[in-house]
Amino acid sequence: MSDDSPHACKNALPWLSHSIAEAALATDLQTNPANTVARSYAQLGVTDWAGGHKPGHRSTHAYDLADCGLTPGHVREAFSEYPGTYDRSA
């Protein structure tokens, strides 16, 4: 018998439950995404971790398209259909 409860993942994987944040898609994530993400981060302890891991706390990384044999033209061409497919006005 399957467990269809909202806590099915936590019930099935108790050893992993500290890594699972719960949020209802329709009532939480779609209606109030910022608060839902903030609450999920708090449930997972990410806010505590993030406080001690600010950008640049180690070294920085610089990435360049040329490192992958690409140019801005390659990227524009590869994704040329996206602007017409997705509304960027939001």
N, C-alpha and C. Protein backbone atom coordinates (compact mmCIF):
# COMPACT_ATOMS: atom_id res chain seq x y z
N MET A 1 0.85 -1.19 0.00
CA MET A 1 0.00 0.00 0.00
C MET A 1 0.90 1.25 0.00
N SER A 2 0.60 2.18 -0.87
CA SER A 2 1.43 3.37 -0.95
C SER A 2 0.93 4.43 0.03
N ASP A 3 1.86 5.28 0.43
CA ASP A 3 1.54 6.37 1.35
C ASP A 3 1.39 7.64 0.52
N ASP A 4 0.15 8.13 0.37
CA ASP A 4 -0.11 9.34 -0.41
C ASP A 4 -0.22 10.58 0.46
N SER A 5 0.16 10.46 1.72
CA SER A 5 0.05 11.61 2.62
C SER A 5 1.08 12.67 2.23
N PRO A 6 0.88 13.89 2.72
CA PRO A 6 1.84 14.95 2.42
C PRO A 6 3.23 14.65 2.97
N HIS A 7 3.31 13.73 3.92
CA HIS A 7 4.59 13.42 4.55
C HIS A 7 5.17 12.11 4.03
N ALA A 8 4.74 11.65 2.87
CA ALA A 8 5.14 10.35 2.34
C ALA A 8 6.66 10.22 2.21
N CYS A 9 7.32 11.24 1.70
CA CYS A 9 8.77 11.16 1.55
C CYS A 9 9.46 11.04 2.89
N LYS A 10 9.06 11.87 3.83
CA LYS A 10 9.68 11.81 5.16
C LYS A 10 9.38 10.48 5.84
N ASN A 11 8.18 9.95 5.63
CA ASN A 11 7.83 8.67 6.24
C ASN A 11 8.62 7.52 5.61
N ALA A 12 8.83 7.58 4.30
CA ALA A 12 9.53 6.51 3.60
C ALA A 12 11.04 6.58 3.79
N LEU A 13 11.55 7.78 3.99
CA LEU A 13 13.00 7.97 4.10
C LEU A 13 13.35 8.72 5.38
N PRO A 14 13.09 8.15 6.55
CA PRO A 14 13.31 8.89 7.80
C PRO A 14 14.76 9.35 7.97
N TRP A 15 15.70 8.60 7.45
CA TRP A 15 17.11 8.97 7.56
C TRP A 15 17.45 10.19 6.71
N LEU A 16 16.55 10.55 5.78
CA LEU A 16 16.77 11.68 4.89
C LEU A 16 15.84 12.85 5.23
N SER A 17 15.01 12.68 6.24
CA SER A 17 13.96 13.67 6.53
C SER A 17 14.52 15.06 6.82
N HIS A 18 15.72 15.16 7.35
CA HIS A 18 16.30 16.48 7.62
C HIS A 18 16.65 17.22 6.32
N SER A 19 16.63 16.53 5.19
CA SER A 19 16.95 17.13 3.90
C SER A 19 15.73 17.39 3.04
N ILE A 20 14.54 17.23 3.60
CA ILE A 20 13.31 17.40 2.84
C ILE A 20 12.51 18.55 3.46
N ALA A 21 12.23 19.56 2.66
CA ALA A 21 11.38 20.66 3.10
C ALA A 21 10.01 20.47 2.49
N GLU A 22 8.99 20.74 3.25
CA GLU A 22 7.63 20.54 2.76
C GLU A 22 6.99 21.86 2.35
N ALA A 23 6.33 21.83 1.19
CA ALA A 23 5.59 22.99 0.71
C ALA A 23 4.49 22.49 -0.20
N ALA A 24 3.32 23.04 -0.05
CA ALA A 24 2.21 22.69 -0.93
C ALA A 24 2.29 23.56 -2.18
N LEU A 25 2.29 22.92 -3.33
CA LEU A 25 2.46 23.65 -4.58
C LEU A 25 1.39 24.72 -4.77
N ALA A 26 0.13 24.34 -4.70
CA ALA A 26 -0.95 25.29 -5.01
C ALA A 26 -1.12 26.34 -3.92
N THR A 27 -1.07 25.93 -2.67
CA THR A 27 -1.37 26.89 -1.61
C THR A 27 -0.16 27.63 -1.10
N ASP A 28 1.02 27.13 -1.30
CA ASP A 28 2.21 27.80 -0.80
C ASP A 28 3.06 28.38 -1.92
N LEU A 29 3.60 27.50 -2.73
CA LEU A 29 4.59 27.93 -3.72
C LEU A 29 4.00 28.85 -4.78
N GLN A 30 2.80 28.55 -5.28
CA GLN A 30 2.23 29.38 -6.34
C GLN A 30 1.66 30.70 -5.81
N THR A 31 1.15 30.70 -4.59
CA THR A 31 0.52 31.92 -4.08
C THR A 31 1.49 32.83 -3.34
N ASN A 32 2.55 32.27 -2.76
CA ASN A 32 3.50 33.09 -2.00
C ASN A 32 4.90 32.49 -2.12
N PRO A 33 5.49 32.55 -3.31
CA PRO A 33 6.76 31.86 -3.53
C PRO A 33 7.91 32.34 -2.66
N ALA A 34 8.02 33.64 -2.42
CA ALA A 34 9.16 34.15 -1.64
C ALA A 34 9.12 33.62 -0.21
N ASN A 35 7.94 33.67 0.42
CA ASN A 35 7.84 33.17 1.78
C ASN A 35 8.02 31.66 1.83
N THR A 36 7.54 30.96 0.81
CA THR A 36 7.68 29.51 0.76
C THR A 36 9.15 29.11 0.67
N VAL A 37 9.89 29.78 -0.18
CA VAL A 37 11.32 29.48 -0.30
C VAL A 37 12.05 29.83 1.00
N ALA A 38 11.73 30.96 1.59
CA ALA A 38 12.37 31.35 2.85
C ALA A 38 12.07 30.32 3.94
N ARG A 39 10.83 29.88 4.02
CA ARG A 39 10.46 28.87 5.03
C ARG A 39 11.16 27.54 4.76
N SER A 40 11.26 27.17 3.49
CA SER A 40 11.95 25.92 3.12
C SER A 40 13.43 26.01 3.48
N TYR A 41 14.05 27.13 3.20
CA TYR A 41 15.45 27.32 3.57
C TYR A 41 15.62 27.19 5.08
N ALA A 42 14.71 27.79 5.84
CA ALA A 42 14.79 27.70 7.30
C ALA A 42 14.64 26.26 7.77
N GLN A 43 13.70 25.52 7.17
CA GLN A 43 13.49 24.11 7.54
C GLN A 43 14.75 23.28 7.29
N LEU A 44 15.47 23.61 6.24
CA LEU A 44 16.66 22.85 5.87
C LEU A 44 17.94 23.36 6.53
N GLY A 45 17.84 24.48 7.23
CA GLY A 45 19.02 25.05 7.86
C GLY A 45 19.92 25.78 6.89
N VAL A 46 19.41 26.08 5.71
CA VAL A 46 20.22 26.76 4.71
C VAL A 46 20.55 28.18 5.15
N THR A 47 19.64 28.82 5.84
CA THR A 47 19.90 30.20 6.27
C THR A 47 21.08 30.23 7.24
N ASP A 48 21.18 29.23 8.11
CA ASP A 48 22.32 29.16 9.03
C ASP A 48 23.61 28.95 8.25
N TRP A 49 23.57 28.01 7.31
CA TRP A 49 24.74 27.71 6.50
C TRP A 49 25.15 28.92 5.67
N ALA A 50 24.18 29.57 5.06
CA ALA A 50 24.46 30.70 4.16
C ALA A 50 25.09 31.87 4.92
N GLY A 51 24.74 32.03 6.19
CA GLY A 51 25.31 33.12 6.98
C GLY A 51 26.83 33.03 7.07
N GLY A 52 27.36 31.83 7.07
CA GLY A 52 28.80 31.65 7.15
C GLY A 52 29.46 31.40 5.81
N HIS A 53 28.71 31.45 4.76
CA HIS A 53 29.25 31.17 3.44
C HIS A 53 28.86 32.27 2.46
N LYS A 54 29.34 33.44 2.71
CA LYS A 54 29.05 34.58 1.84
C LYS A 54 29.83 34.46 0.53
N PRO A 55 29.32 35.06 -0.54
CA PRO A 55 30.06 35.03 -1.80
C PRO A 55 31.48 35.55 -1.60
N GLY A 56 32.44 34.81 -2.15
CA GLY A 56 33.83 35.22 -2.05
C GLY A 56 34.52 34.75 -0.79
N HIS A 57 33.82 34.00 0.08
CA HIS A 57 34.46 33.56 1.32
C HIS A 57 35.61 32.60 1.04
N ARG A 58 35.62 32.01 -0.10
CA ARG A 58 36.76 31.20 -0.54
C ARG A 58 37.42 31.99 -1.66
N SER A 59 37.51 31.40 -2.80
CA SER A 59 38.05 32.12 -3.94
C SER A 59 36.92 32.40 -4.92
N THR A 60 37.17 33.24 -5.86
CA THR A 60 36.15 33.52 -6.86
C THR A 60 36.44 32.69 -8.11
N HIS A 61 35.44 32.52 -8.92
CA HIS A 61 35.57 31.77 -10.16
C HIS A 61 35.21 32.70 -11.30
N ALA A 62 36.04 32.69 -12.31
CA ALA A 62 35.76 33.48 -13.51
C ALA A 62 35.58 32.50 -14.67
N TYR A 63 34.43 32.57 -15.29
CA TYR A 63 34.14 31.68 -16.40
C TYR A 63 34.10 32.50 -17.68
N ASP A 64 34.55 31.89 -18.74
CA ASP A 64 34.57 32.56 -20.03
C ASP A 64 34.07 31.59 -21.09
N LEU A 65 33.21 32.06 -21.97
CA LEU A 65 32.70 31.20 -23.04
C LEU A 65 33.83 30.58 -23.85
N ALA A 66 34.90 31.33 -24.03
CA ALA A 66 36.04 30.84 -24.83
C ALA A 66 36.66 29.60 -24.19
N ASP A 67 36.57 29.47 -22.86
CA ASP A 67 37.10 28.28 -22.19
C ASP A 67 36.42 27.01 -22.67
N CYS A 68 35.21 27.17 -23.18
CA CYS A 68 34.42 26.03 -23.69
C CYS A 68 34.37 26.02 -25.22
N GLY A 69 35.18 26.86 -25.83
CA GLY A 69 35.20 26.93 -27.29
C GLY A 69 33.99 27.63 -27.87
N LEU A 70 33.37 28.51 -27.09
CA LEU A 70 32.16 29.21 -27.54
C LEU A 70 32.40 30.70 -27.66
N THR A 71 31.52 31.34 -28.42
CA THR A 71 31.51 32.80 -28.53
C THR A 71 30.10 33.27 -28.19
N PRO A 72 29.92 34.56 -27.90
CA PRO A 72 28.56 35.06 -27.68
C PRO A 72 27.65 34.76 -28.87
N GLY A 73 28.19 34.77 -30.08
CA GLY A 73 27.40 34.45 -31.27
C GLY A 73 26.89 33.01 -31.25
N HIS A 74 27.74 32.08 -30.80
CA HIS A 74 27.30 30.68 -30.68
C HIS A 74 26.11 30.56 -29.73
N VAL A 75 26.20 31.24 -28.61
CA VAL A 75 25.14 31.17 -27.60
C VAL A 75 23.85 31.80 -28.13
N ARG A 76 23.98 32.98 -28.75
CA ARG A 76 22.78 33.63 -29.31
C ARG A 76 22.12 32.72 -30.35
N GLU A 77 22.93 32.10 -31.20
CA GLU A 77 22.37 31.22 -32.23
C GLU A 77 21.70 30.00 -31.61
N ALA A 78 22.35 29.39 -30.62
CA ALA A 78 21.80 28.19 -29.99
C ALA A 78 20.47 28.46 -29.29
N PHE A 79 20.30 29.66 -28.75
CA PHE A 79 19.09 29.99 -28.01
C PHE A 79 18.21 31.00 -28.74
N SER A 80 18.38 31.11 -30.04
CA SER A 80 17.66 32.13 -30.81
C SER A 80 16.15 31.98 -30.78
N GLU A 81 15.64 30.77 -30.55
CA GLU A 81 14.19 30.57 -30.53
C GLU A 81 13.55 30.97 -29.20
N TYR A 82 14.34 31.09 -28.16
CA TYR A 82 13.78 31.36 -26.83
C TYR A 82 13.04 32.69 -26.73
N PRO A 83 13.57 33.80 -27.23
CA PRO A 83 12.84 35.07 -27.07
C PRO A 83 11.45 35.04 -27.68
N GLY A 84 11.27 34.33 -28.77
CA GLY A 84 9.96 34.24 -29.38
C GLY A 84 9.04 33.24 -28.71
N THR A 85 9.62 32.33 -27.95
CA THR A 85 8.85 31.27 -27.30
C THR A 85 8.39 31.67 -25.91
N TYR A 86 9.25 32.39 -25.20
CA TYR A 86 8.96 32.74 -23.81
C TYR A 86 8.79 34.24 -23.66
N ASP A 87 7.80 34.61 -22.89
CA ASP A 87 7.53 36.04 -22.63
C ASP A 87 8.54 36.57 -21.64
N ARG A 88 9.37 37.50 -22.07
CA ARG A 88 10.41 38.06 -21.20
C ARG A 88 9.94 39.33 -20.49
N SER A 89 8.69 39.71 -20.66
CA SER A 89 8.22 40.97 -20.07
C SER A 89 7.93 40.86 -18.59
N ALA A 90 7.80 39.66 -18.07
CA ALA A 90 7.46 39.46 -16.65
C ALA A 90 8.61 39.81 -15.74
